[in-house]
Amino acid sequence: MAKELKVANYATPALDKGLDVIELLAGQTEGMTKSQLARALNRTVSEIFRMLLTLEQRGYIAQVGNDRYSLTLKLFKLVQEHPPTERLLASALPVMQRLAHQTLQSCHLGVLETSRVVILSQVNAPTDIGFYVKLGSTVDLMAAASGYVILAHQKEEQRQRTLADWVRETGKALPRDLNSHLSRICSAGYEKRESYLVKGVVNISFPVFDDRGSALGALTVPYIHASQGLAIDDMIKPLEAAAGEITAAIGGLIP
């Protein structure tokens, strides 16, 4: 109770309202009108208007027709400019480019953002036909091989925080087989399974570690069967080597 009271005493309503708008728009592909935002957030239109005006002036949102508001790329740009993220991107990109040319498959680097996986970097396959995941896209961590790989290789305390965030944000119960699933991944050191979202794609994913030996991201190949490139069983070693090279480049520690 005392902790809750302390949090309430230090609350900043204006900031809360602005963040509510950003978080709501983050899940909307077509944007929302002032009235829609007000109803969804249980606020008055005048309250929402003031938030929208400030966020638009600061470049976080923009009007996209029919008086709808949508997020700009400013948040993504800020993430990329954050020093640890910038270092990770700078270290990962050349490794990923070599991996794509070696395997003739696309690859992407995902990191956790509370309960979702964010695609931080992506490289296309150097072929006429291929499959790739869009840069900057997000997916529920429980619907992504990279999400499970990161969870399996996080320190226990960090994993529990991540799972608590997921339960709170999704309102769902954890999968019953989660512990056994994570144990299998941890034992193997990686995940290889059919995509949760796209038929015909097999995701192969290895963890990238920080300096404490905890996973901060996952390097994934969304493998498609083609006449060119490596067979699926031959993907493991080069992908593992690439993830290890990125880990070493950022001063990470493989447990």
C-alpha atoms as a PDB file:
ATOM      1  CA  MET A   1       0.000   0.000   0.000  1.00  0.00           C
ATOM      2  CA  ALA A   2       2.803   2.422   0.938  1.00  0.00           C
ATOM      3  CA  LYS A   3       4.564   1.724  -2.340  1.00  0.00           C
ATOM      4  CA  GLU A   4       1.360   2.322  -4.328  1.00  0.00           C
ATOM      5  CA  LEU A   5       0.782   5.602  -2.440  1.00  0.00           C
ATOM      6  CA  LYS A   6       4.322   6.748  -3.181  1.00  0.00           C
ATOM      7  CA  VAL A   7       3.893   6.019  -6.879  1.00  0.00           C
ATOM      8  CA  ALA A   8       0.600   7.943  -6.924  1.00  0.00           C
ATOM      9  CA  ASN A   9       2.183  10.948  -5.172  1.00  0.00           C
ATOM     10  CA  TYR A  10       4.848  11.179  -7.855  1.00  0.00           C
ATOM     11  CA  ALA A  11       2.517  10.581 -10.809  1.00  0.00           C
ATOM     12  CA  THR A  12       2.593  13.059 -13.688  1.00  0.00           C
ATOM     13  CA  PRO A  13      -0.864  13.030 -15.333  1.00  0.00           C
ATOM     14  CA  ALA A  14       0.170  14.976 -18.434  1.00  0.00           C
ATOM     15  CA  LEU A  15       3.020  12.588 -19.151  1.00  0.00           C
ATOM     16  CA  ASP A  16       0.734   9.612 -18.534  1.00  0.00           C
ATOM     17  CA  LYS A  17      -1.771  10.941 -21.066  1.00  0.00           C
ATOM     18  CA  GLY A  18       0.914  11.555 -23.681  1.00  0.00           C
ATOM     19  CA  LEU A  19       2.366   8.077 -23.243  1.00  0.00           C
ATOM     20  CA  ASP A  20      -1.128   6.566 -23.386  1.00  0.00           C
ATOM     21  CA  VAL A  21      -1.618   8.198 -26.788  1.00  0.00           C
ATOM     22  CA  ILE A  22       1.736   6.940 -28.104  1.00  0.00           C
ATOM     23  CA  GLU A  23       1.184   3.394 -26.847  1.00  0.00           C
ATOM     24  CA  LEU A  24      -2.318   3.245 -28.314  1.00  0.00           C
ATOM     25  CA  LEU A  25      -1.236   4.563 -31.715  1.00  0.00           C
ATOM     26  CA  ALA A  26       1.645   2.084 -31.783  1.00  0.00           C
ATOM     27  CA  GLY A  27      -0.850  -0.715 -32.359  1.00  0.00           C
ATOM     28  CA  GLN A  28      -2.843   1.049 -35.087  1.00  0.00           C
ATOM     29  CA  THR A  29      -1.920   0.640 -38.746  1.00  0.00           C
ATOM     30  CA  GLU A  30      -4.408   3.209 -40.074  1.00  0.00           C
ATOM     31  CA  GLY A  31      -4.187   5.802 -37.308  1.00  0.00           C
ATOM     32  CA  MET A  32      -7.035   7.141 -35.150  1.00  0.00           C
ATOM     33  CA  THR A  33      -9.132  10.298 -34.956  1.00  0.00           C
ATOM     34  CA  LYS A  34      -9.315  12.534 -31.884  1.00  0.00           C
ATOM     35  CA  SER A  35     -12.740  11.110 -31.018  1.00  0.00           C
ATOM     36  CA  GLN A  36     -11.546   7.522 -31.329  1.00  0.00           C
ATOM     37  CA  LEU A  37      -8.546   8.216 -29.133  1.00  0.00           C
ATOM     38  CA  ALA A  38     -10.693   9.960 -26.540  1.00  0.00           C
ATOM     39  CA  ARG A  39     -13.132   7.043 -26.341  1.00  0.00           C
ATOM     40  CA  ALA A  40     -10.388   4.412 -26.208  1.00  0.00           C
ATOM     41  CA  LEU A  41      -8.511   6.244 -23.438  1.00  0.00           C
ATOM     42  CA  ASN A  42     -11.612   7.416 -21.558  1.00  0.00           C
ATOM     43  CA  ARG A  43     -10.556  11.042 -21.919  1.00  0.00           C
ATOM     44  CA  THR A  44     -12.290  14.169 -23.179  1.00  0.00           C
ATOM     45  CA  VAL A  45     -11.625  15.323 -26.728  1.00  0.00           C
ATOM     46  CA  SER A  46     -10.125  18.570 -25.365  1.00  0.00           C
ATOM     47  CA  GLU A  47      -7.647  16.606 -23.240  1.00  0.00           C
ATOM     48  CA  ILE A  48      -6.646  14.479 -26.219  1.00  0.00           C
ATOM     49  CA  PHE A  49      -6.369  17.529 -28.488  1.00  0.00           C
ATOM     50  CA  ARG A  50      -3.776  19.144 -26.222  1.00  0.00           C
ATOM     51  CA  MET A  51      -1.733  15.930 -26.155  1.00  0.00           C
ATOM     52  CA  LEU A  52      -1.952  15.546 -29.924  1.00  0.00           C
ATOM     53  CA  LEU A  53      -0.897  19.133 -30.508  1.00  0.00           C
ATOM     54  CA  THR A  54       2.226  18.740 -28.387  1.00  0.00           C
ATOM     55  CA  LEU A  55       3.165  15.326 -29.801  1.00  0.00           C
ATOM     56  CA  GLU A  56       2.694  16.614 -33.350  1.00  0.00           C
ATOM     57  CA  GLN A  57       4.833  19.690 -32.681  1.00  0.00           C
ATOM     58  CA  ARG A  58       7.588  17.437 -31.293  1.00  0.00           C
ATOM     59  CA  GLY A  59       7.432  15.177 -34.349  1.00  0.00           C
ATOM     60  CA  TYR A  60       6.184  12.002 -32.669  1.00  0.00           C
ATOM     61  CA  ILE A  61       2.876  11.882 -34.550  1.00  0.00           C
ATOM     62  CA  ALA A  62       1.470  13.275 -37.799  1.00  0.00           C
ATOM     63  CA  GLN A  63      -1.934  13.627 -39.434  1.00  0.00           C
ATOM     64  CA  VAL A  64      -2.516  11.061 -42.162  1.00  0.00           C
ATOM     65  CA  GLY A  65      -5.768  12.066 -43.833  1.00  0.00           C
ATOM     66  CA  ASN A  66      -9.378  12.068 -42.663  1.00  0.00           C
ATOM     67  CA  ASP A  67      -8.152  13.802 -39.503  1.00  0.00           C
ATOM     68  CA  ARG A  68      -6.421  10.639 -38.336  1.00  0.00           C
ATOM     69  CA  TYR A  69      -3.200  10.655 -36.349  1.00  0.00           C
ATOM     70  CA  SER A  70      -0.419   8.127 -36.667  1.00  0.00           C
ATOM     71  CA  LEU A  71       3.042   7.641 -35.204  1.00  0.00           C
ATOM     72  CA  THR A  72       6.025   8.888 -37.175  1.00  0.00           C
ATOM     73  CA  LEU A  73       9.401   7.125 -37.261  1.00  0.00           C
ATOM     74  CA  LYS A  74      10.857   9.423 -34.604  1.00  0.00           C
ATOM     75  CA  LEU A  75      10.671   6.832 -31.814  1.00  0.00           C
ATOM     76  CA  PHE A  76      12.407   4.266 -33.997  1.00  0.00           C
ATOM     77  CA  LYS A  77      15.073   6.828 -34.885  1.00  0.00           C
ATOM     78  CA  LEU A  78      15.658   7.591 -31.197  1.00  0.00           C
ATOM     79  CA  VAL A  79      16.047   3.898 -30.427  1.00  0.00           C
ATOM     80  CA  GLN A  80      18.643   3.546 -33.171  1.00  0.00           C
ATOM     81  CA  GLU A  81      20.549   6.572 -31.858  1.00  0.00           C
ATOM     82  CA  HIS A  82      20.638   5.229 -28.285  1.00  0.00           C
ATOM     83  CA  PRO A  83      24.352   4.390 -27.708  1.00  0.00           C
ATOM     84  CA  PRO A  84      23.973   0.679 -26.743  1.00  0.00           C
ATOM     85  CA  THR A  85      21.567   0.111 -29.635  1.00  0.00           C
ATOM     86  CA  GLU A  86      23.798   2.009 -32.062  1.00  0.00           C
ATOM     87  CA  ARG A  87      26.751  -0.157 -31.048  1.00  0.00           C
ATOM     88  CA  LEU A  88      24.711  -3.339 -31.450  1.00  0.00           C
ATOM     89  CA  LEU A  89      23.524  -2.293 -34.911  1.00  0.00           C
ATOM     90  CA  ALA A  90      27.000  -1.266 -36.042  1.00  0.00           C
ATOM     91  CA  SER A  91      28.430  -4.590 -34.868  1.00  0.00           C
ATOM     92  CA  ALA A  92      25.630  -6.773 -36.192  1.00  0.00           C
ATOM     93  CA  LEU A  93      25.019  -5.409 -39.677  1.00  0.00           C
ATOM     94  CA  PRO A  94      28.273  -6.517 -41.409  1.00  0.00           C
ATOM     95  CA  VAL A  95      27.998  -9.963 -39.794  1.00  0.00           C
ATOM     96  CA  MET A  96      24.398 -10.283 -40.967  1.00  0.00           C
ATOM     97  CA  GLN A  97      25.314  -9.229 -44.499  1.00  0.00           C
ATOM     98  CA  ARG A  98      27.986 -11.940 -44.676  1.00  0.00           C
ATOM     99  CA  LEU A  99      25.550 -14.498 -43.290  1.00  0.00           C
ATOM    100  CA  ALA A 100      22.905 -13.629 -45.893  1.00  0.00           C
ATOM    101  CA  HIS A 101      25.418 -13.997 -48.748  1.00  0.00           C
ATOM    102  CA  GLN A 102      26.787 -17.243 -47.310  1.00  0.00           C
ATOM    103  CA  THR A 103      23.398 -18.888 -46.845  1.00  0.00           C
ATOM    104  CA  LEU A 104      21.304 -17.099 -49.510  1.00  0.00           C
ATOM    105  CA  GLN A 105      18.673 -16.550 -46.819  1.00  0.00           C
ATOM    106  CA  SER A 106      17.510 -13.355 -45.160  1.00  0.00           C
ATOM    107  CA  CYS A 107      18.190 -12.764 -41.464  1.00  0.00           C
ATOM    108  CA  HIS A 108      17.049 -10.374 -38.777  1.00  0.00           C
ATOM    109  CA  LEU A 109      18.031  -9.284 -35.287  1.00  0.00           C
ATOM    110  CA  GLY A 110      15.249  -8.985 -32.714  1.00  0.00           C
ATOM    111  CA  VAL A 111      15.289  -7.520 -29.209  1.00  0.00           C
ATOM    112  CA  LEU A 112      12.646  -7.519 -26.491  1.00  0.00           C
ATOM    113  CA  GLU A 113      10.621  -4.418 -25.737  1.00  0.00           C
ATOM    114  CA  THR A 114       8.540  -5.381 -22.679  1.00  0.00           C
ATOM    115  CA  SER A 115       6.205  -8.071 -24.063  1.00  0.00           C
ATOM    116  CA  ARG A 116       7.087  -7.836 -27.758  1.00  0.00           C
ATOM    117  CA  VAL A 117       9.990  -8.560 -30.066  1.00  0.00           C
ATOM    118  CA  VAL A 118      11.153  -5.563 -32.107  1.00  0.00           C
ATOM    119  CA  ILE A 119      13.059  -6.168 -35.348  1.00  0.00           C
ATOM    120  CA  LEU A 120      16.070  -3.932 -34.904  1.00  0.00           C
ATOM    121  CA  SER A 121      18.050  -4.918 -37.988  1.00  0.00           C
ATOM    122  CA  GLN A 122      17.283  -6.904 -41.136  1.00  0.00           C
ATOM    123  CA  VAL A 123      19.186  -8.057 -44.234  1.00  0.00           C
ATOM    124  CA  ASN A 124      17.578  -9.458 -47.387  1.00  0.00           C
ATOM    125  CA  ALA A 125      18.780 -12.573 -49.151  1.00  0.00           C
ATOM    126  CA  PRO A 126      20.856 -11.741 -52.259  1.00  0.00           C
ATOM    127  CA  THR A 127      18.415 -13.652 -54.478  1.00  0.00           C
ATOM    128  CA  ASP A 128      15.492 -12.792 -56.709  1.00  0.00           C
ATOM    129  CA  ILE A 129      13.056 -14.662 -54.456  1.00  0.00           C
ATOM    130  CA  GLY A 130      13.120 -14.600 -50.676  1.00  0.00           C
ATOM    131  CA  PHE A 131      11.277 -13.963 -47.453  1.00  0.00           C
ATOM    132  CA  TYR A 132      12.047 -11.282 -44.921  1.00  0.00           C
ATOM    133  CA  VAL A 133      10.623  -9.639 -41.808  1.00  0.00           C
ATOM    134  CA  LYS A 134      10.054  -5.883 -42.036  1.00  0.00           C
ATOM    135  CA  LEU A 135      12.513  -3.675 -40.185  1.00  0.00           C
ATOM    136  CA  GLY A 136      10.940  -2.028 -37.149  1.00  0.00           C
ATOM    137  CA  SER A 137       8.016  -4.448 -36.992  1.00  0.00           C
ATOM    138  CA  THR A 138       6.942  -5.986 -33.691  1.00  0.00           C
ATOM    139  CA  VAL A 139       5.449  -9.334 -32.724  1.00  0.00           C
ATOM    140  CA  ASP A 140       4.197 -10.885 -29.516  1.00  0.00           C
ATOM    141  CA  LEU A 141       7.164 -12.625 -27.874  1.00  0.00           C
ATOM    142  CA  MET A 142       5.046 -15.783 -27.493  1.00  0.00           C
ATOM    143  CA  ALA A 143       4.518 -15.880 -31.268  1.00  0.00           C
ATOM    144  CA  ALA A 144       8.184 -15.571 -32.251  1.00  0.00           C
ATOM    145  CA  ALA A 145      11.038 -18.053 -32.159  1.00  0.00           C
ATOM    146  CA  SER A 146      13.353 -15.178 -31.262  1.00  0.00           C
ATOM    147  CA  GLY A 147      11.128 -14.331 -28.287  1.00  0.00           C
ATOM    148  CA  TYR A 148      11.416 -17.832 -26.875  1.00  0.00           C
ATOM    149  CA  VAL A 149      15.156 -17.933 -27.537  1.00  0.00           C
ATOM    150  CA  ILE A 150      15.697 -14.687 -25.634  1.00  0.00           C
ATOM    151  CA  LEU A 151      13.499 -15.879 -22.751  1.00  0.00           C
ATOM    152  CA  ALA A 152      15.323 -19.213 -22.556  1.00  0.00           C
ATOM    153  CA  HIS A 153      18.694 -17.485 -22.242  1.00  0.00           C
ATOM    154  CA  GLN A 154      17.772 -14.650 -19.886  1.00  0.00           C
ATOM    155  CA  LYS A 155      18.806 -14.639 -16.255  1.00  0.00           C
ATOM    156  CA  GLU A 156      15.980 -15.947 -14.067  1.00  0.00           C
ATOM    157  CA  GLU A 157      15.128 -12.611 -12.437  1.00  0.00           C
ATOM    158  CA  GLN A 158      15.056 -10.836 -15.791  1.00  0.00           C
ATOM    159  CA  ARG A 159      12.913 -13.595 -17.316  1.00  0.00           C
ATOM    160  CA  GLN A 160      10.344 -13.312 -14.538  1.00  0.00           C
ATOM    161  CA  ARG A 161      10.079  -9.557 -15.138  1.00  0.00           C
ATOM    162  CA  THR A 162       9.598 -10.145 -18.856  1.00  0.00           C
ATOM    163  CA  LEU A 163       6.886 -12.737 -18.262  1.00  0.00           C
ATOM    164  CA  ALA A 164       5.135 -10.470 -15.752  1.00  0.00           C
ATOM    165  CA  ASP A 165       5.126  -7.684 -18.368  1.00  0.00           C
ATOM    166  CA  TRP A 166       3.655 -10.077 -20.939  1.00  0.00           C
ATOM    167  CA  VAL A 167       0.859 -11.244 -18.629  1.00  0.00           C
ATOM    168  CA  ARG A 168       0.025  -7.673 -17.634  1.00  0.00           C
ATOM    169  CA  GLU A 169       0.002  -6.298 -21.172  1.00  0.00           C
ATOM    170  CA  THR A 170      -1.788  -9.178 -22.902  1.00  0.00           C
ATOM    171  CA  GLY A 171      -4.119 -10.278 -20.095  1.00  0.00           C
ATOM    172  CA  LYS A 172      -3.364 -13.902 -21.016  1.00  0.00           C
ATOM    173  CA  ALA A 173      -2.110 -16.841 -18.989  1.00  0.00           C
ATOM    174  CA  LEU A 174       1.363 -18.202 -19.694  1.00  0.00           C
ATOM    175  CA  PRO A 175       1.491 -21.282 -21.948  1.00  0.00           C
ATOM    176  CA  ARG A 176       1.340 -24.484 -19.896  1.00  0.00           C
ATOM    177  CA  ASP A 177       4.378 -25.970 -21.611  1.00  0.00           C
ATOM    178  CA  LEU A 178       6.460 -22.786 -21.365  1.00  0.00           C
ATOM    179  CA  ASN A 179       9.023 -24.100 -18.866  1.00  0.00           C
ATOM    180  CA  SER A 180       9.647 -27.329 -20.771  1.00  0.00           C
ATOM    181  CA  HIS A 181       9.813 -25.402 -24.055  1.00  0.00           C
ATOM    182  CA  LEU A 182      12.414 -22.988 -22.676  1.00  0.00           C
ATOM    183  CA  SER A 183      14.396 -25.862 -21.158  1.00  0.00           C
ATOM    184  CA  ARG A 184      14.597 -27.597 -24.545  1.00  0.00           C
ATOM    185  CA  ILE A 185      15.832 -24.399 -26.184  1.00  0.00           C
ATOM    186  CA  CYS A 186      18.378 -23.791 -23.445  1.00  0.00           C
ATOM    187  CA  SER A 187      19.718 -27.348 -23.776  1.00  0.00           C
ATOM    188  CA  ALA A 188      20.006 -27.123 -27.553  1.00  0.00           C
ATOM    189  CA  GLY A 189      21.312 -23.551 -27.495  1.00  0.00           C
ATOM    190  CA  TYR A 190      18.922 -22.434 -30.219  1.00  0.00           C
ATOM    191  CA  GLU A 191      15.403 -22.832 -31.620  1.00  0.00           C
ATOM    192  CA  LYS A 192      14.389 -24.367 -34.941  1.00  0.00           C
ATOM    193  CA  ARG A 193      10.689 -24.667 -35.645  1.00  0.00           C
ATOM    194  CA  GLU A 194       8.000 -23.754 -38.127  1.00  0.00           C
ATOM    195  CA  SER A 195       6.955 -20.133 -38.007  1.00  0.00           C
ATOM    196  CA  TYR A 196       4.054 -19.339 -35.697  1.00  0.00           C
ATOM    197  CA  LEU A 197       2.734 -16.844 -38.244  1.00  0.00           C
ATOM    198  CA  VAL A 198       3.773 -17.878 -41.781  1.00  0.00           C
ATOM    199  CA  LYS A 199       3.302 -21.311 -43.329  1.00  0.00           C
ATOM    200  CA  GLY A 200       6.290 -22.702 -45.203  1.00  0.00           C
ATOM    201  CA  VAL A 201       8.855 -20.779 -43.148  1.00  0.00           C
ATOM    202  CA  VAL A 202      11.097 -22.425 -40.557  1.00  0.00           C
ATOM    203  CA  ASN A 203      12.639 -20.010 -38.058  1.00  0.00           C
ATOM    204  CA  ILE A 204      16.145 -20.814 -36.839  1.00  0.00           C
ATOM    205  CA  SER A 205      17.206 -18.524 -34.012  1.00  0.00           C
ATOM    206  CA  PHE A 206      20.323 -18.127 -31.838  1.00  0.00           C
ATOM    207  CA  PRO A 207      20.757 -15.810 -28.829  1.00  0.00           C
ATOM    208  CA  VAL A 208      23.018 -12.761 -28.706  1.00  0.00           C
ATOM    209  CA  PHE A 209      24.389 -12.149 -25.195  1.00  0.00           C
ATOM    210  CA  ASP A 210      25.289  -9.093 -23.130  1.00  0.00           C
ATOM    211  CA  ASP A 211      28.292  -8.755 -20.823  1.00  0.00           C
ATOM    212  CA  ARG A 212      26.458 -10.606 -18.026  1.00  0.00           C
ATOM    213  CA  GLY A 213      25.775 -13.671 -20.132  1.00  0.00           C
ATOM    214  CA  SER A 214      22.076 -12.870 -20.485  1.00  0.00           C
ATOM    215  CA  ALA A 215      20.357 -12.761 -23.875  1.00  0.00           C
ATOM    216  CA  LEU A 216      19.684  -9.238 -25.115  1.00  0.00           C
ATOM    217  CA  GLY A 217      18.529 -10.298 -28.571  1.00  0.00           C
ATOM    218  CA  ALA A 218      18.293 -13.110 -31.069  1.00  0.00           C
ATOM    219  CA  LEU A 219      19.664 -13.552 -34.577  1.00  0.00           C
ATOM    220  CA  THR A 220      17.128 -15.395 -36.725  1.00  0.00           C
ATOM    221  CA  VAL A 221      16.954 -16.832 -40.216  1.00  0.00           C
ATOM    222  CA  PRO A 222      13.386 -17.287 -41.526  1.00  0.00           C
ATOM    223  CA  TYR A 223      14.365 -20.227 -43.707  1.00  0.00           C
ATOM    224  CA  ILE A 224      12.506 -20.981 -46.931  1.00  0.00           C
ATOM    225  CA  HIS A 225      13.222 -24.055 -49.043  1.00  0.00           C
ATOM    226  CA  ALA A 226      14.726 -23.051 -52.365  1.00  0.00           C
ATOM    227  CA  SER A 227      16.916 -24.511 -55.077  1.00  0.00           C
ATOM    228  CA  GLN A 228      19.752 -22.178 -54.080  1.00  0.00           C
ATOM    229  CA  GLY A 229      21.627 -21.842 -50.816  1.00  0.00           C
ATOM    230  CA  LEU A 230      22.302 -24.158 -47.901  1.00  0.00           C
ATOM    231  CA  ALA A 231      20.101 -27.032 -46.826  1.00  0.00           C
ATOM    232  CA  ILE A 232      18.248 -26.348 -43.595  1.00  0.00           C
ATOM    233  CA  ASP A 233      20.458 -28.658 -41.509  1.00  0.00           C
ATOM    234  CA  ASP A 234      23.544 -26.847 -42.788  1.00  0.00           C
ATOM    235  CA  MET A 235      22.226 -23.505 -41.493  1.00  0.00           C
ATOM    236  CA  ILE A 236      23.009 -24.198 -37.834  1.00  0.00           C
ATOM    237  CA  LYS A 237      26.782 -23.722 -37.796  1.00  0.00           C
ATOM    238  CA  PRO A 238      26.997 -20.461 -39.778  1.00  0.00           C
ATOM    239  CA  LEU A 239      24.089 -18.944 -37.840  1.00  0.00           C
ATOM    240  CA  GLU A 240      25.613 -19.967 -34.508  1.00  0.00           C
ATOM    241  CA  ALA A 241      28.963 -18.510 -35.575  1.00  0.00           C
ATOM    242  CA  ALA A 242      27.333 -15.243 -36.642  1.00  0.00           C
ATOM    243  CA  ALA A 243      25.457 -14.856 -33.344  1.00  0.00           C
ATOM    244  CA  GLY A 244      28.695 -15.586 -31.469  1.00  0.00           C
ATOM    245  CA  GLU A 245      30.574 -13.011 -33.550  1.00  0.00           C
ATOM    246  CA  ILE A 246      28.002 -10.322 -32.729  1.00  0.00           C
ATOM    247  CA  THR A 247      28.158 -11.244 -29.052  1.00  0.00           C
ATOM    248  CA  ALA A 248      31.943 -10.923 -29.066  1.00  0.00           C
ATOM    249  CA  ALA A 249      31.850  -7.635 -30.975  1.00  0.00           C
ATOM    250  CA  ILE A 250      29.678  -5.956 -28.315  1.00  0.00           C
ATOM    251  CA  GLY A 251      31.704  -7.396 -25.428  1.00  0.00           C
ATOM    252  CA  GLY A 252      29.098 -10.014 -24.583  1.00  0.00           C
ATOM    253  CA  LEU A 253      29.692 -13.225 -22.694  1.00  0.00           C
ATOM    254  CA  ILE A 254      28.479 -16.604 -23.941  1.00  0.00           C
ATOM    255  CA  PRO A 255      27.543 -18.647 -20.839  1.00  0.00           C
END
